[in-house]
Amino acid sequence: MNNINYLREMDSVRIVQSGITYEGVIDKVVNNDFPFIEGKFYEIDDIGQRVDNIRFNATIYAQSFKGLQMEWWYEGQGGDNSAIGCSGAWEKLVS
């Protein structure tokens, strides 16, 4: 069973599907026998800017995190596990 109890509502996440990168915010975390998140997502370009004003809702099951190259914005931690001079870092999720 995949455990996603470290994810919370309002956490930022990023996924890649079919070569397109999407960023979004988690609305709901369900950690049961088939854990999943629900969130609102939008497409971003190579430098992290929104491509358009289209937002969409998505349900993503934990078993798909690795295949979607899912990343989670780990608030308050730098890439070297320090909090010096940075607000957080993107961490790869494999559920």
Protein backbone atom coordinates (compact mmCIF):
# COMPACT_ATOMS: atom_id res chain seq x y z
CA MET A 1 0.00 0.00 0.00
CA ASN A 2 1.21 3.51 -0.81
CA ASN A 3 1.27 5.94 2.08
CA ILE A 4 0.81 9.63 1.24
CA ASN A 5 0.16 10.97 4.75
CA TYR A 6 2.92 13.60 4.27
CA LEU A 7 0.80 15.47 1.70
CA ARG A 8 -1.66 18.13 2.85
CA GLU A 9 -4.39 20.31 1.37
CA MET A 10 -2.95 23.45 -0.23
CA ASP A 11 0.46 21.81 -0.91
CA SER A 12 1.93 22.66 -4.32
CA VAL A 13 2.68 19.81 -6.72
CA ARG A 14 4.07 19.49 -10.25
CA ILE A 15 3.52 16.67 -12.77
CA VAL A 16 4.69 15.86 -16.29
CA GLN A 17 2.30 14.09 -18.63
CA SER A 18 3.04 13.44 -22.32
CA GLY A 19 5.92 15.95 -22.18
CA ILE A 20 3.75 18.78 -20.80
CA THR A 21 4.41 20.13 -17.31
CA TYR A 22 1.54 21.07 -15.01
CA GLU A 23 1.62 22.75 -11.63
CA GLY A 24 -1.18 22.88 -9.11
CA VAL A 25 -2.51 22.87 -5.58
CA ILE A 26 -3.90 19.91 -3.67
CA ASP A 27 -7.56 20.28 -2.66
CA LYS A 28 -8.02 16.87 -1.02
CA VAL A 29 -5.79 14.02 0.19
CA VAL A 30 -7.31 10.55 0.64
CA ASN A 31 -4.98 8.04 2.29
CA ASN A 32 -6.84 4.71 2.18
CA ASP A 33 -6.33 1.37 0.37
CA PHE A 34 -6.14 3.29 -2.96
CA PRO A 35 -4.65 6.67 -1.92
CA PHE A 36 -5.10 9.67 -4.20
CA ILE A 37 -5.07 13.45 -4.33
CA GLU A 38 -7.50 15.85 -5.95
CA GLY A 39 -6.25 19.22 -7.12
CA LYS A 40 -6.46 22.17 -9.49
CA PHE A 41 -3.76 22.30 -12.18
CA TYR A 42 -2.53 24.51 -15.02
CA GLU A 43 0.13 24.16 -17.71
CA ILE A 44 3.52 25.83 -17.24
CA ASP A 45 6.38 26.45 -19.68
CA ASP A 46 10.10 25.64 -19.34
CA ILE A 47 10.74 28.58 -17.00
CA GLY A 48 7.70 27.97 -14.77
CA GLN A 49 5.34 30.59 -16.24
CA ARG A 50 1.67 29.79 -16.83
CA VAL A 51 0.92 29.08 -20.48
CA ASP A 52 -2.71 30.25 -20.34
CA ASN A 53 -5.55 30.92 -17.89
CA ILE A 54 -7.04 27.43 -18.14
CA ARG A 55 -7.23 25.54 -14.82
CA PHE A 56 -8.57 22.02 -14.56
CA ASN A 57 -9.40 19.59 -11.77
CA ALA A 58 -7.61 16.25 -11.63
CA THR A 59 -7.55 13.14 -9.48
CA ILE A 60 -4.14 11.49 -9.26
CA TYR A 61 -3.68 8.09 -7.63
CA ALA A 62 -0.50 7.49 -5.61
CA GLN A 63 0.45 4.55 -7.84
CA SER A 64 0.83 7.08 -10.71
CA PHE A 65 3.16 9.52 -8.90
CA LYS A 66 6.38 7.97 -10.25
CA GLY A 67 5.12 7.67 -13.85
CA LEU A 68 3.98 11.31 -13.82
CA GLN A 69 7.37 12.45 -12.41
CA MET A 70 5.39 14.08 -9.62
CA GLU A 71 7.16 16.65 -7.45
CA TRP A 72 6.03 18.23 -4.19
CA TRP A 73 7.03 21.68 -2.96
CA TYR A 74 8.65 20.92 0.40
CA GLU A 75 8.03 24.15 2.29
CA GLY A 76 10.86 25.68 4.26
CA GLN A 77 13.63 23.31 3.16
CA GLY A 78 16.47 23.96 0.75
CA GLY A 79 17.79 21.42 -1.73
CA ASP A 80 20.49 20.44 0.80
CA ASN A 81 17.94 20.02 3.65
CA SER A 82 18.70 23.44 5.08
CA ALA A 83 16.32 26.35 5.40
CA ILE A 84 18.99 29.01 4.93
CA GLY A 85 17.93 31.64 2.41
CA CYS A 86 15.20 29.73 0.67
CA SER A 87 11.49 29.09 0.97
CA GLY A 88 11.55 25.44 -0.07
CA ALA A 89 12.54 22.94 -2.74
CA TRP A 90 10.87 20.57 -5.23
CA GLU A 91 11.09 16.93 -4.08
CA LYS A 92 10.38 13.93 -6.35
CA LEU A 93 7.51 11.72 -5.17
CA VAL A 94 7.26 8.01 -5.77
CA SER A 95 4.41 7.65 -3.19
